[in-house]
Amino acid sequence: MDAVVKAVESAGKLLDRGVVVENSLARYYFTDLNRVKPEMLAAATASARQAAEAFAKDSKMRLGGIKSASQGLFTVGAPLAEYEGETSVMKKVRVVTKVQYFLEK
């Protein structure tokens, strides 16, 4: 990736010296999902618990244990996917989780 960035940055200098650089669209893919999965799932679970605690407090109940939980789909895309797609070096990784809690009086 560093070589591609360096080549793009050098294209103007090369053109000044009479060297034509053909521009082809570089595509960037995120391939290290397994490295970030545990941290993302922990963050998603913590966020779900925080939301559930707010629901419990609003209903004057106490949050109980987890009734069920499931990991949904992980998605990887550009921050502005509708404009950038695979051409963006920046990536946004998203996970959807579903956690159901018991409410107790």
Protein backbone atom coordinates (compact mmCIF):
# COMPACT_ATOMS: atom_id res chain seq x y z
CA MET A 1 0.00 0.00 0.00
CA ASP A 2 2.84 2.38 0.81
CA ALA A 3 4.32 1.83 -2.66
CA VAL A 4 1.00 2.74 -4.31
CA VAL A 5 0.70 5.93 -2.26
CA LYS A 6 4.30 6.87 -3.05
CA ALA A 7 3.77 6.24 -6.79
CA VAL A 8 0.65 8.42 -6.83
CA GLU A 9 2.51 11.20 -5.02
CA SER A 10 5.41 10.93 -7.50
CA ALA A 11 3.24 10.96 -10.64
CA GLY A 12 3.41 14.75 -10.98
CA LYS A 13 7.20 14.80 -10.73
CA LEU A 14 7.50 12.01 -13.27
CA LEU A 15 5.20 13.84 -15.69
CA ASP A 16 7.40 16.94 -15.41
CA ARG A 17 10.31 14.73 -16.58
CA GLY A 18 8.31 13.41 -19.54
CA VAL A 19 7.33 10.08 -18.01
CA VAL A 20 3.65 9.31 -18.48
CA VAL A 21 2.08 7.31 -15.70
CA GLU A 22 -1.10 5.48 -16.57
CA ASN A 23 -3.61 5.91 -13.80
CA SER A 24 -5.43 2.76 -12.91
CA LEU A 25 -7.86 2.61 -10.06
CA ALA A 26 -6.28 1.14 -6.93
CA ARG A 27 -8.59 -0.94 -4.76
CA TYR A 28 -8.08 -1.49 -1.06
CA TYR A 29 -9.50 -4.41 0.91
CA PHE A 30 -9.48 -5.04 4.67
CA THR A 31 -8.35 -8.62 5.28
CA ASP A 32 -7.60 -8.66 9.02
CA LEU A 33 -11.12 -9.04 10.41
CA ASN A 34 -10.19 -11.84 12.83
CA ARG A 35 -7.74 -9.50 14.58
CA VAL A 36 -10.41 -6.89 15.37
CA LYS A 37 -13.37 -9.22 15.97
CA PRO A 38 -12.87 -9.84 19.73
CA GLU A 39 -12.51 -6.14 20.54
CA MET A 40 -15.50 -5.22 18.40
CA LEU A 41 -17.70 -7.89 19.96
CA ALA A 42 -16.68 -6.72 23.44
CA ALA A 43 -17.55 -3.12 22.53
CA ALA A 44 -20.89 -4.18 20.99
CA THR A 45 -21.78 -6.22 24.08
CA ALA A 46 -20.87 -3.33 26.39
CA SER A 47 -22.99 -0.96 24.28
CA ALA A 48 -25.93 -3.37 24.38
CA ARG A 49 -25.65 -3.64 28.16
CA GLN A 50 -25.53 0.15 28.51
CA ALA A 51 -28.69 0.52 26.41
CA ALA A 52 -30.43 -2.27 28.35
CA GLU A 53 -29.54 -0.60 31.67
CA ALA A 54 -31.15 2.62 30.43
CA PHE A 55 -34.32 0.73 29.46
CA ALA A 56 -34.39 -1.00 32.84
CA LYS A 57 -33.92 2.28 34.71
CA ASP A 58 -36.64 4.00 32.69
CA SER A 59 -39.07 1.18 33.47
CA LYS A 60 -38.05 1.17 37.16
CA MET A 61 -36.74 -2.38 36.84
CA ARG A 62 -33.38 -3.99 37.48
CA LEU A 63 -31.34 -5.47 34.68
CA GLY A 64 -30.97 -9.21 34.99
CA GLY A 65 -28.75 -11.65 33.17
CA ILE A 66 -28.53 -12.30 29.47
CA LYS A 67 -31.49 -14.26 28.09
CA SER A 68 -29.93 -14.75 24.65
CA ALA A 69 -27.20 -13.26 22.49
CA SER A 70 -26.16 -13.62 18.89
CA GLN A 71 -23.46 -12.21 16.68
CA GLY A 72 -24.75 -10.75 13.47
CA LEU A 73 -23.00 -9.84 10.30
CA PHE A 74 -19.67 -8.03 10.14
CA THR A 75 -19.50 -5.51 7.31
CA VAL A 76 -16.42 -3.76 5.93
CA GLY A 77 -16.72 -0.70 3.73
CA ALA A 78 -15.47 2.78 3.05
CA PRO A 79 -16.55 5.52 5.47
CA LEU A 80 -18.47 7.10 2.57
CA ALA A 81 -19.31 3.87 0.76
CA GLU A 82 -21.70 5.49 -1.68
CA TYR A 83 -18.85 7.65 -3.00
CA GLU A 84 -15.64 5.73 -2.39
CA GLY A 85 -16.27 2.00 -2.21
CA GLU A 86 -13.16 -0.10 -2.63
CA THR A 87 -11.05 2.87 -3.74
CA SER A 88 -10.86 4.30 -0.21
CA VAL A 89 -7.86 3.29 1.86
CA MET A 90 -9.91 4.08 4.99
CA LYS A 91 -12.30 1.33 6.06
CA LYS A 92 -15.26 1.19 8.44
CA VAL A 93 -15.88 -2.18 10.10
CA ARG A 94 -19.31 -2.70 11.65
CA VAL A 95 -20.86 -5.55 13.59
CA VAL A 96 -24.48 -6.09 14.54
CA THR A 97 -25.20 -8.02 17.72
CA LYS A 98 -28.49 -8.93 19.36
CA VAL A 99 -28.58 -9.28 23.13
CA GLN A 100 -31.74 -9.89 25.16
CA TYR A 101 -31.72 -9.38 28.93
CA PHE A 102 -34.08 -10.34 31.71
CA LEU A 103 -35.71 -7.48 33.62
CA GLU A 104 -36.28 -7.96 37.35
CA LYS A 105 -38.31 -6.02 39.88
